[in-house]
mmCIF file of all heavy atoms, coordinates in Angstrom:
data_MODEL
# 
_entry.id   MODEL 
# 
loop_
_atom_site.group_PDB 
_atom_site.id 
_atom_site.type_symbol 
_atom_site.label_atom_id 
_atom_site.label_alt_id 
_atom_site.label_comp_id 
_atom_site.label_asym_id 
_atom_site.label_entity_id 
_atom_site.label_seq_id 
_atom_site.pdbx_PDB_ins_code 
_atom_site.Cartn_x 
_atom_site.Cartn_y 
_atom_site.Cartn_z 
_atom_site.occupancy 
_atom_site.B_iso_or_equiv 
_atom_site.pdbx_formal_charge 
_atom_site.auth_seq_id 
_atom_site.auth_comp_id 
_atom_site.auth_asym_id 
_atom_site.auth_atom_id 
_atom_site.pdbx_PDB_model_num 
ATOM 1   N N   . GLU A 1 1  ? 0.831  -1.199  0.000  1.00 0.00 ? 1  GLU A N   1 
ATOM 2   C CA  . GLU A 1 1  ? 0.000  0.000   0.000  1.00 0.00 ? 1  GLU A CA  1 
ATOM 3   C C   . GLU A 1 1  ? 0.870  1.254   0.000  1.00 0.00 ? 1  GLU A C   1 
ATOM 4   O O   . GLU A 1 1  ? 1.606  1.491   0.959  1.00 0.00 ? 1  GLU A O   1 
ATOM 5   C CB  . GLU A 1 1  ? -0.913 0.017   1.223  1.00 0.00 ? 1  GLU A CB  1 
ATOM 6   C CG  . GLU A 1 1  ? -1.857 1.181   1.234  1.00 0.00 ? 1  GLU A CG  1 
ATOM 7   C CD  . GLU A 1 1  ? -2.858 1.103   2.373  1.00 0.00 ? 1  GLU A CD  1 
ATOM 8   O OE1 . GLU A 1 1  ? -2.787 0.182   3.200  1.00 0.00 ? 1  GLU A OE1 1 
ATOM 9   O OE2 . GLU A 1 1  ? -3.726 1.984   2.429  1.00 0.00 ? 1  GLU A OE2 1 
ATOM 10  N N   . PRO A 1 2  ? 0.800  2.038   -1.076 1.00 0.00 ? 2  PRO A N   1 
ATOM 11  C CA  . PRO A 1 2  ? 1.559  3.292   -1.105 1.00 0.00 ? 2  PRO A CA  1 
ATOM 12  C C   . PRO A 1 2  ? 0.834  4.379   -0.312 1.00 0.00 ? 2  PRO A C   1 
ATOM 13  O O   . PRO A 1 2  ? -0.394 4.412   -0.256 1.00 0.00 ? 2  PRO A O   1 
ATOM 14  C CB  . PRO A 1 2  ? 1.602  3.648   -2.596 1.00 0.00 ? 2  PRO A CB  1 
ATOM 15  C CG  . PRO A 1 2  ? 0.411  2.989   -3.183 1.00 0.00 ? 2  PRO A CG  1 
ATOM 16  C CD  . PRO A 1 2  ? 0.110  1.780   -2.337 1.00 0.00 ? 2  PRO A CD  1 
ATOM 17  N N   . GLU A 1 3  ? 1.622  5.237   0.309  1.00 0.00 ? 3  GLU A N   1 
ATOM 18  C CA  . GLU A 1 3  ? 1.068  6.375   1.030  1.00 0.00 ? 3  GLU A CA  1 
ATOM 19  C C   . GLU A 1 3  ? 1.996  7.562   0.816  1.00 0.00 ? 3  GLU A C   1 
ATOM 20  O O   . GLU A 1 3  ? 3.212  7.443   0.985  1.00 0.00 ? 3  GLU A O   1 
ATOM 21  C CB  . GLU A 1 3  ? 0.970  6.073   2.522  1.00 0.00 ? 3  GLU A CB  1 
ATOM 22  C CG  . GLU A 1 3  ? 0.346  7.201   3.309  1.00 0.00 ? 3  GLU A CG  1 
ATOM 23  C CD  . GLU A 1 3  ? 0.202  6.867   4.775  1.00 0.00 ? 3  GLU A CD  1 
ATOM 24  O OE1 . GLU A 1 3  ? -0.382 5.815   5.088  1.00 0.00 ? 3  GLU A OE1 1 
ATOM 25  O OE2 . GLU A 1 3  ? 0.705  7.653   5.599  1.00 0.00 ? 3  GLU A OE2 1 
ATOM 26  N N   . THR A 1 4  ? 1.420  8.692   0.441  1.00 0.00 ? 4  THR A N   1 
ATOM 27  C CA  . THR A 1 4  ? 2.215  9.894   0.194  1.00 0.00 ? 4  THR A CA  1 
ATOM 28  C C   . THR A 1 4  ? 1.822  10.986  1.173  1.00 0.00 ? 4  THR A C   1 
ATOM 29  O O   . THR A 1 4  ? 0.651  11.301  1.319  1.00 0.00 ? 4  THR A O   1 
ATOM 30  C CB  . THR A 1 4  ? 2.023  10.393  -1.250 1.00 0.00 ? 4  THR A CB  1 
ATOM 31  O OG1 . THR A 1 4  ? 2.388  9.352   -2.155 1.00 0.00 ? 4  THR A OG1 1 
ATOM 32  C CG2 . THR A 1 4  ? 2.879  11.622  -1.529 1.00 0.00 ? 4  THR A CG2 1 
ATOM 33  N N   . LYS A 1 5  ? 2.839  11.507  1.865  1.00 0.00 ? 5  LYS A N   1 
ATOM 34  C CA  . LYS A 1 5  ? 2.664  12.637  2.772  1.00 0.00 ? 5  LYS A CA  1 
ATOM 35  C C   . LYS A 1 5  ? 3.779  13.629  2.491  1.00 0.00 ? 5  LYS A C   1 
ATOM 36  O O   . LYS A 1 5  ? 4.948  13.240  2.405  1.00 0.00 ? 5  LYS A O   1 
ATOM 37  C CB  . LYS A 1 5  ? 2.743  12.194  4.237  1.00 0.00 ? 5  LYS A CB  1 
ATOM 38  C CG  . LYS A 1 5  ? 1.564  11.404  4.714  1.00 0.00 ? 5  LYS A CG  1 
ATOM 39  C CD  . LYS A 1 5  ? 1.684  11.093  6.184  1.00 0.00 ? 5  LYS A CD  1 
ATOM 40  C CE  . LYS A 1 5  ? 0.520  10.242  6.632  1.00 0.00 ? 5  LYS A CE  1 
ATOM 41  N NZ  . LYS A 1 5  ? 0.658  9.816   8.024  1.00 0.00 ? 5  LYS A NZ  1 
ATOM 42  N N   . ASN A 1 6  ? 3.403  14.887  2.347  1.00 0.00 ? 6  ASN A N   1 
ATOM 43  C CA  . ASN A 1 6  ? 4.390  15.943  2.075  1.00 0.00 ? 6  ASN A CA  1 
ATOM 44  C C   . ASN A 1 6  ? 5.276  15.586  0.885  1.00 0.00 ? 6  ASN A C   1 
ATOM 45  O O   . ASN A 1 6  ? 6.492  15.751  0.930  1.00 0.00 ? 6  ASN A O   1 
ATOM 46  C CB  . ASN A 1 6  ? 5.236  16.234  3.312  1.00 0.00 ? 6  ASN A CB  1 
ATOM 47  C CG  . ASN A 1 6  ? 4.399  16.718  4.467  1.00 0.00 ? 6  ASN A CG  1 
ATOM 48  O OD1 . ASN A 1 6  ? 3.438  17.469  4.284  1.00 0.00 ? 6  ASN A OD1 1 
ATOM 49  N ND2 . ASN A 1 6  ? 4.736  16.284  5.664  1.00 0.00 ? 6  ASN A ND2 1 
ATOM 50  N N   . SER A 1 7  ? 4.672  15.045  -0.156 1.00 0.00 ? 7  SER A N   1 
ATOM 51  C CA  . SER A 1 7  ? 5.347  14.676  -1.408 1.00 0.00 ? 7  SER A CA  1 
ATOM 52  C C   . SER A 1 7  ? 6.343  13.527  -1.265 1.00 0.00 ? 7  SER A C   1 
ATOM 53  O O   . SER A 1 7  ? 7.172  13.310  -2.138 1.00 0.00 ? 7  SER A O   1 
ATOM 54  C CB  . SER A 1 7  ? 6.058  15.895  -2.020 1.00 0.00 ? 7  SER A CB  1 
ATOM 55  O OG  . SER A 1 7  ? 5.118  16.907  -2.302 1.00 0.00 ? 7  SER A OG  1 
ATOM 56  N N   . VAL A 1 8  ? 6.289  12.784  -0.161 1.00 0.00 ? 8  VAL A N   1 
ATOM 57  C CA  . VAL A 1 8  ? 7.175  11.637  0.055  1.00 0.00 ? 8  VAL A CA  1 
ATOM 58  C C   . VAL A 1 8  ? 6.309  10.383  0.119  1.00 0.00 ? 8  VAL A C   1 
ATOM 59  O O   . VAL A 1 8  ? 5.401  10.296  0.943  1.00 0.00 ? 8  VAL A O   1 
ATOM 60  C CB  . VAL A 1 8  ? 8.000  11.786  1.356  1.00 0.00 ? 8  VAL A CB  1 
ATOM 61  C CG1 . VAL A 1 8  ? 8.842  10.547  1.615  1.00 0.00 ? 8  VAL A CG1 1 
ATOM 62  C CG2 . VAL A 1 8  ? 8.873  13.032  1.291  1.00 0.00 ? 8  VAL A CG2 1 
ATOM 63  N N   . THR A 1 9  ? 6.609  9.420   -0.754 1.00 0.00 ? 9  THR A N   1 
ATOM 64  C CA  . THR A 1 9  ? 5.833  8.179   -0.792 1.00 0.00 ? 9  THR A CA  1 
ATOM 65  C C   . THR A 1 9  ? 6.558  7.075   -0.043 1.00 0.00 ? 9  THR A C   1 
ATOM 66  O O   . THR A 1 9  ? 7.758  6.869   -0.221 1.00 0.00 ? 9  THR A O   1 
ATOM 67  C CB  . THR A 1 9  ? 5.594  7.731   -2.246 1.00 0.00 ? 9  THR A CB  1 
ATOM 68  O OG1 . THR A 1 9  ? 4.906  8.782   -2.937 1.00 0.00 ? 9  THR A OG1 1 
ATOM 69  C CG2 . THR A 1 9  ? 4.759  6.466   -2.306 1.00 0.00 ? 9  THR A CG2 1 
ATOM 70  N N   . THR A 1 10 ? 5.809  6.393   0.819  1.00 0.00 ? 10 THR A N   1 
ATOM 71  C CA  . THR A 1 10 ? 6.305  5.205   1.495  1.00 0.00 ? 10 THR A CA  1 
ATOM 72  C C   . THR A 1 10 ? 5.376  4.056   1.122  1.00 0.00 ? 10 THR A C   1 
ATOM 73  O O   . THR A 1 10 ? 4.256  4.264   0.651  1.00 0.00 ? 10 THR A O   1 
ATOM 74  C CB  . THR A 1 10 ? 6.337  5.379   3.024  1.00 0.00 ? 10 THR A CB  1 
ATOM 75  O OG1 . THR A 1 10 ? 5.030  5.712   3.481  1.00 0.00 ? 10 THR A OG1 1 
ATOM 76  C CG2 . THR A 1 10 ? 7.336  6.448   3.434  1.00 0.00 ? 10 THR A CG2 1 
ATOM 77  N N   . TYR A 1 11 ? 5.860  2.843   1.341  1.00 0.00 ? 11 TYR A N   1 
ATOM 78  C CA  . TYR A 1 11 ? 5.098  1.654   0.978  1.00 0.00 ? 11 TYR A CA  1 
ATOM 79  C C   . TYR A 1 11 ? 5.021  0.724   2.187  1.00 0.00 ? 11 TYR A C   1 
ATOM 80  O O   . TYR A 1 11 ? 6.041  0.324   2.728  1.00 0.00 ? 11 TYR A O   1 
ATOM 81  C CB  . TYR A 1 11 ? 5.774  0.918   -0.182 1.00 0.00 ? 11 TYR A CB  1 
ATOM 82  C CG  . TYR A 1 11 ? 5.943  1.791   -1.391 1.00 0.00 ? 11 TYR A CG  1 
ATOM 83  C CD1 . TYR A 1 11 ? 7.104  2.544   -1.573 1.00 0.00 ? 11 TYR A CD1 1 
ATOM 84  C CD2 . TYR A 1 11 ? 4.939  1.889   -2.346 1.00 0.00 ? 11 TYR A CD2 1 
ATOM 85  C CE1 . TYR A 1 11 ? 7.255  3.369   -2.674 1.00 0.00 ? 11 TYR A CE1 1 
ATOM 86  C CE2 . TYR A 1 11 ? 5.088  2.710   -3.452 1.00 0.00 ? 11 TYR A CE2 1 
ATOM 87  C CZ  . TYR A 1 11 ? 6.239  3.450   -3.604 1.00 0.00 ? 11 TYR A CZ  1 
ATOM 88  O OH  . TYR A 1 11 ? 6.382  4.259   -4.696 1.00 0.00 ? 11 TYR A OH  1 
ATOM 89  N N   . CYS A 1 12 ? 3.790  0.409   2.582  1.00 0.00 ? 12 CYS A N   1 
ATOM 90  C CA  . CYS A 1 12 ? 3.573  -0.550  3.654  1.00 0.00 ? 12 CYS A CA  1 
ATOM 91  C C   . CYS A 1 12 ? 3.309  -1.902  3.001  1.00 0.00 ? 12 CYS A C   1 
ATOM 92  O O   . CYS A 1 12 ? 2.419  -2.042  2.171  1.00 0.00 ? 12 CYS A O   1 
ATOM 93  C CB  . CYS A 1 12 ? 2.379  -0.131  4.504  1.00 0.00 ? 12 CYS A CB  1 
ATOM 94  S SG  . CYS A 1 12 ? 1.995  -1.336  5.802  1.00 0.00 ? 12 CYS A SG  1 
ATOM 95  N N   . VAL A 1 13 ? 4.110  -2.897  3.365  1.00 0.00 ? 13 VAL A N   1 
ATOM 96  C CA  . VAL A 1 13 ? 3.984  -4.236  2.801  1.00 0.00 ? 13 VAL A CA  1 
ATOM 97  C C   . VAL A 1 13 ? 3.570  -5.182  3.917  1.00 0.00 ? 13 VAL A C   1 
ATOM 98  O O   . VAL A 1 13 ? 4.081  -5.095  5.029  1.00 0.00 ? 13 VAL A O   1 
ATOM 99  C CB  . VAL A 1 13 ? 5.326  -4.702  2.195  1.00 0.00 ? 13 VAL A CB  1 
ATOM 100 C CG1 . VAL A 1 13 ? 5.207  -6.107  1.620  1.00 0.00 ? 13 VAL A CG1 1 
ATOM 101 C CG2 . VAL A 1 13 ? 5.785  -3.732  1.120  1.00 0.00 ? 13 VAL A CG2 1 
ATOM 102 N N   . TRP A 1 14 ? 2.635  -6.067  3.625  1.00 0.00 ? 14 TRP A N   1 
ATOM 103 C CA  . TRP A 1 14 ? 2.252  -7.061  4.615  1.00 0.00 ? 14 TRP A CA  1 
ATOM 104 C C   . TRP A 1 14 ? 2.250  -8.449  4.002  1.00 0.00 ? 14 TRP A C   1 
ATOM 105 O O   . TRP A 1 14 ? 2.029  -8.633  2.820  1.00 0.00 ? 14 TRP A O   1 
ATOM 106 C CB  . TRP A 1 14 ? 0.913  -6.733  5.268  1.00 0.00 ? 14 TRP A CB  1 
ATOM 107 C CG  . TRP A 1 14 ? -0.286 -6.796  4.376  1.00 0.00 ? 14 TRP A CG  1 
ATOM 108 C CD1 . TRP A 1 14 ? -1.092 -7.881  4.169  1.00 0.00 ? 14 TRP A CD1 1 
ATOM 109 C CD2 . TRP A 1 14 ? -0.835 -5.752  3.585  1.00 0.00 ? 14 TRP A CD2 1 
ATOM 110 N NE1 . TRP A 1 14 ? -2.103 -7.572  3.298  1.00 0.00 ? 14 TRP A NE1 1 
ATOM 111 C CE2 . TRP A 1 14 ? -1.963 -6.267  2.919  1.00 0.00 ? 14 TRP A CE2 1 
ATOM 112 C CE3 . TRP A 1 14 ? -0.470 -4.421  3.357  1.00 0.00 ? 14 TRP A CE3 1 
ATOM 113 C CZ2 . TRP A 1 14 ? -2.739 -5.499  2.058  1.00 0.00 ? 14 TRP A CZ2 1 
ATOM 114 C CZ3 . TRP A 1 14 ? -1.242 -3.667  2.493  1.00 0.00 ? 14 TRP A CZ3 1 
ATOM 115 C CH2 . TRP A 1 14 ? -2.353 -4.200  1.860  1.00 0.00 ? 14 TRP A CH2 1 
ATOM 116 N N   . TYR A 1 15 ? 2.564  -9.403  4.862  1.00 0.00 ? 15 TYR A N   1 
ATOM 117 C CA  . TYR A 1 15 ? 2.585  -10.820 4.509  1.00 0.00 ? 15 TYR A CA  1 
ATOM 118 C C   . TYR A 1 15 ? 2.019  -11.557 5.708  1.00 0.00 ? 15 TYR A C   1 
ATOM 119 O O   . TYR A 1 15 ? 2.696  -11.696 6.731  1.00 0.00 ? 15 TYR A O   1 
ATOM 120 C CB  . TYR A 1 15 ? 4.014  -11.253 4.194  1.00 0.00 ? 15 TYR A CB  1 
ATOM 121 C CG  . TYR A 1 15 ? 4.182  -12.725 3.901  1.00 0.00 ? 15 TYR A CG  1 
ATOM 122 C CD1 . TYR A 1 15 ? 3.293  -13.409 3.094  1.00 0.00 ? 15 TYR A CD1 1 
ATOM 123 C CD2 . TYR A 1 15 ? 5.246  -13.433 4.432  1.00 0.00 ? 15 TYR A CD2 1 
ATOM 124 C CE1 . TYR A 1 15 ? 3.458  -14.761 2.815  1.00 0.00 ? 15 TYR A CE1 1 
ATOM 125 C CE2 . TYR A 1 15 ? 5.431  -14.783 4.159  1.00 0.00 ? 15 TYR A CE2 1 
ATOM 126 C CZ  . TYR A 1 15 ? 4.526  -15.434 3.354  1.00 0.00 ? 15 TYR A CZ  1 
ATOM 127 O OH  . TYR A 1 15 ? 4.685  -16.781 3.082  1.00 0.00 ? 15 TYR A OH  1 
ATOM 128 N N   . GLY A 1 16 ? 0.752  -11.946 5.615  1.00 0.00 ? 16 GLY A N   1 
ATOM 129 C CA  . GLY A 1 16 ? 0.080  -12.492 6.786  1.00 0.00 ? 16 GLY A CA  1 
ATOM 130 C C   . GLY A 1 16 ? -0.020 -11.415 7.842  1.00 0.00 ? 16 GLY A C   1 
ATOM 131 O O   . GLY A 1 16 ? -0.531 -10.335 7.594  1.00 0.00 ? 16 GLY A O   1 
ATOM 132 N N   . LYS A 1 17 ? 0.527  -11.662 9.027  1.00 0.00 ? 17 LYS A N   1 
ATOM 133 C CA  . LYS A 1 17 ? 0.490  -10.690 10.123 1.00 0.00 ? 17 LYS A CA  1 
ATOM 134 C C   . LYS A 1 17 ? 1.740  -9.809  10.185 1.00 0.00 ? 17 LYS A C   1 
ATOM 135 O O   . LYS A 1 17 ? 1.792  -8.863  10.960 1.00 0.00 ? 17 LYS A O   1 
ATOM 136 C CB  . LYS A 1 17 ? 0.295  -11.406 11.454 1.00 0.00 ? 17 LYS A CB  1 
ATOM 137 C CG  . LYS A 1 17 ? -1.066 -12.061 11.549 1.00 0.00 ? 17 LYS A CG  1 
ATOM 138 C CD  . LYS A 1 17 ? -1.282 -12.705 12.895 1.00 0.00 ? 17 LYS A CD  1 
ATOM 139 C CE  . LYS A 1 17 ? -2.662 -13.346 12.936 1.00 0.00 ? 17 LYS A CE  1 
ATOM 140 N NZ  . LYS A 1 17 ? -2.972 -13.936 14.220 1.00 0.00 ? 17 LYS A NZ  1 
ATOM 141 N N   . ALA A 1 18 ? 2.746  -10.122 9.375  1.00 0.00 ? 18 ALA A N   1 
ATOM 142 C CA  . ALA A 1 18 ? 3.985  -9.334  9.368  1.00 0.00 ? 18 ALA A CA  1 
ATOM 143 C C   . ALA A 1 18 ? 3.826  -8.111  8.463  1.00 0.00 ? 18 ALA A C   1 
ATOM 144 O O   . ALA A 1 18 ? 3.241  -8.196  7.386  1.00 0.00 ? 18 ALA A O   1 
ATOM 145 C CB  . ALA A 1 18 ? 5.141  -10.189 8.871  1.00 0.00 ? 18 ALA A CB  1 
ATOM 146 N N   . CYS A 1 19 ? 4.324  -6.975  8.922  1.00 0.00 ? 19 CYS A N   1 
ATOM 147 C CA  . CYS A 1 19 ? 4.273  -5.726  8.150  1.00 0.00 ? 19 CYS A CA  1 
ATOM 148 C C   . CYS A 1 19 ? 5.644  -5.064  8.161  1.00 0.00 ? 19 CYS A C   1 
ATOM 149 O O   . CYS A 1 19 ? 6.411  -5.206  9.109  1.00 0.00 ? 19 CYS A O   1 
ATOM 150 C CB  . CYS A 1 19 ? 3.280  -4.751  8.758  1.00 0.00 ? 19 CYS A CB  1 
ATOM 151 S SG  . CYS A 1 19 ? 1.578  -5.287  8.695  1.00 0.00 ? 19 CYS A SG  1 
ATOM 152 N N   . LYS A 1 20 ? 5.919  -4.349  7.092  1.00 0.00 ? 20 LYS A N   1 
ATOM 153 C CA  . LYS A 1 20 ? 7.184  -3.623  7.000  1.00 0.00 ? 20 LYS A CA  1 
ATOM 154 C C   . LYS A 1 20 ? 6.980  -2.416  6.106  1.00 0.00 ? 20 LYS A C   1 
ATOM 155 O O   . LYS A 1 20 ? 6.260  -2.490  5.113  1.00 0.00 ? 20 LYS A O   1 
ATOM 156 C CB  . LYS A 1 20 ? 8.260  -4.537  6.423  1.00 0.00 ? 20 LYS A CB  1 
ATOM 157 C CG  . LYS A 1 20 ? 9.657  -4.001  6.528  1.00 0.00 ? 20 LYS A CG  1 
ATOM 158 C CD  . LYS A 1 20 ? 10.672 -5.082  6.198  1.00 0.00 ? 20 LYS A CD  1 
ATOM 159 C CE  . LYS A 1 20 ? 12.080 -4.569  6.360  1.00 0.00 ? 20 LYS A CE  1 
ATOM 160 N NZ  . LYS A 1 20 ? 13.071 -5.595  6.033  1.00 0.00 ? 20 LYS A NZ  1 
ATOM 161 N N   . ASP A 1 21 ? 7.617  -1.291  6.449  1.00 0.00 ? 21 ASP A N   1 
ATOM 162 C CA  . ASP A 1 21 ? 7.529  -0.066  5.653  1.00 0.00 ? 21 ASP A CA  1 
ATOM 163 C C   . ASP A 1 21 ? 8.821  0.152   4.886  1.00 0.00 ? 21 ASP A C   1 
ATOM 164 O O   . ASP A 1 21 ? 9.915  -0.126  5.403  1.00 0.00 ? 21 ASP A O   1 
ATOM 165 C CB  . ASP A 1 21 ? 7.267  1.139   6.553  1.00 0.00 ? 21 ASP A CB  1 
ATOM 166 C CG  . ASP A 1 21 ? 5.884  1.100   7.181  1.00 0.00 ? 21 ASP A CG  1 
ATOM 167 O OD1 . ASP A 1 21 ? 4.933  0.682   6.493  1.00 0.00 ? 21 ASP A OD1 1 
ATOM 168 O OD2 . ASP A 1 21 ? 5.755  1.482   8.358  1.00 0.00 ? 21 ASP A OD2 1 
ATOM 169 N N   . TYR A 1 22 ? 8.667  0.676   3.679  1.00 0.00 ? 22 TYR A N   1 
ATOM 170 C CA  . TYR A 1 22 ? 9.806  0.967   2.809  1.00 0.00 ? 22 TYR A CA  1 
ATOM 171 C C   . TYR A 1 22 ? 9.669  2.385   2.272  1.00 0.00 ? 22 TYR A C   1 
ATOM 172 O O   . TYR A 1 22 ? 8.574  2.814   1.917  1.00 0.00 ? 22 TYR A O   1 
ATOM 173 C CB  . TYR A 1 22 ? 9.845  0.019   1.605  1.00 0.00 ? 22 TYR A CB  1 
ATOM 174 C CG  . TYR A 1 22 ? 10.001 -1.432  1.967  1.00 0.00 ? 22 TYR A CG  1 
ATOM 175 C CD1 . TYR A 1 22 ? 8.899  -2.205  2.293  1.00 0.00 ? 22 TYR A CD1 1 
ATOM 176 C CD2 . TYR A 1 22 ? 11.250 -2.027  1.988  1.00 0.00 ? 22 TYR A CD2 1 
ATOM 177 C CE1 . TYR A 1 22 ? 9.033  -3.539  2.627  1.00 0.00 ? 22 TYR A CE1 1 
ATOM 178 C CE2 . TYR A 1 22 ? 11.392 -3.367  2.323  1.00 0.00 ? 22 TYR A CE2 1 
ATOM 179 C CZ  . TYR A 1 22 ? 10.285 -4.109  2.636  1.00 0.00 ? 22 TYR A CZ  1 
ATOM 180 O OH  . TYR A 1 22 ? 10.420 -5.433  2.975  1.00 0.00 ? 22 TYR A OH  1 
ATOM 181 N N   . SER A 1 23 ? 10.776 3.083   2.180  1.00 0.00 ? 23 SER A N   1 
ATOM 182 C CA  . SER A 1 23 ? 10.780 4.411   1.561  1.00 0.00 ? 23 SER A CA  1 
ATOM 183 C C   . SER A 1 23 ? 11.418 4.364   0.176  1.00 0.00 ? 23 SER A C   1 
ATOM 184 O O   . SER A 1 23 ? 11.376 5.344   -0.552 1.00 0.00 ? 23 SER A O   1 
ATOM 185 C CB  . SER A 1 23 ? 11.519 5.420   2.445  1.00 0.00 ? 23 SER A CB  1 
ATOM 186 O OG  . SER A 1 23 ? 12.844 4.987   2.676  1.00 0.00 ? 23 SER A OG  1 
ATOM 187 N N   . ASP A 1 24 ? 11.980 3.222   -0.190 1.00 0.00 ? 24 ASP A N   1 
ATOM 188 C CA  . ASP A 1 24 ? 12.650 3.053   -1.482 1.00 0.00 ? 24 ASP A CA  1 
ATOM 189 C C   . ASP A 1 24 ? 12.034 1.853   -2.204 1.00 0.00 ? 24 ASP A C   1 
ATOM 190 O O   . ASP A 1 24 ? 12.064 0.734   -1.692 1.00 0.00 ? 24 ASP A O   1 
ATOM 191 C CB  . ASP A 1 24 ? 14.142 2.830   -1.239 1.00 0.00 ? 24 ASP A CB  1 
ATOM 192 C CG  . ASP A 1 24 ? 14.943 2.707   -2.503 1.00 0.00 ? 24 ASP A CG  1 
ATOM 193 O OD1 . ASP A 1 24 ? 14.627 1.819   -3.331 1.00 0.00 ? 24 ASP A OD1 1 
ATOM 194 O OD2 . ASP A 1 24 ? 15.899 3.466   -2.672 1.00 0.00 ? 24 ASP A OD2 1 
ATOM 195 N N   . ILE A 1 25 ? 11.489 2.090   -3.379 1.00 0.00 ? 25 ILE A N   1 
ATOM 196 C CA  . ILE A 1 25 ? 10.820 1.036   -4.133 1.00 0.00 ? 25 ILE A CA  1 
ATOM 197 C C   . ILE A 1 25 ? 11.779 -0.094  -4.501 1.00 0.00 ? 25 ILE A C   1 
ATOM 198 O O   . ILE A 1 25 ? 11.389 -1.268  -4.521 1.00 0.00 ? 25 ILE A O   1 
ATOM 199 C CB  . ILE A 1 25 ? 10.109 1.608   -5.389 1.00 0.00 ? 25 ILE A CB  1 
ATOM 200 C CG1 . ILE A 1 25 ? 9.176  0.578   -6.028 1.00 0.00 ? 25 ILE A CG1 1 
ATOM 201 C CG2 . ILE A 1 25 ? 11.101 2.098   -6.413 1.00 0.00 ? 25 ILE A CG2 1 
ATOM 202 C CD1 . ILE A 1 25 ? 7.892  0.383   -5.309 1.00 0.00 ? 25 ILE A CD1 1 
# 
């Protein structure tokens, strides 16, 4: 799931119950 705030996009990735955020595609 991409999310953009203040022109900066981050990506929240989930696999089952595990989640991780990325700032670099």
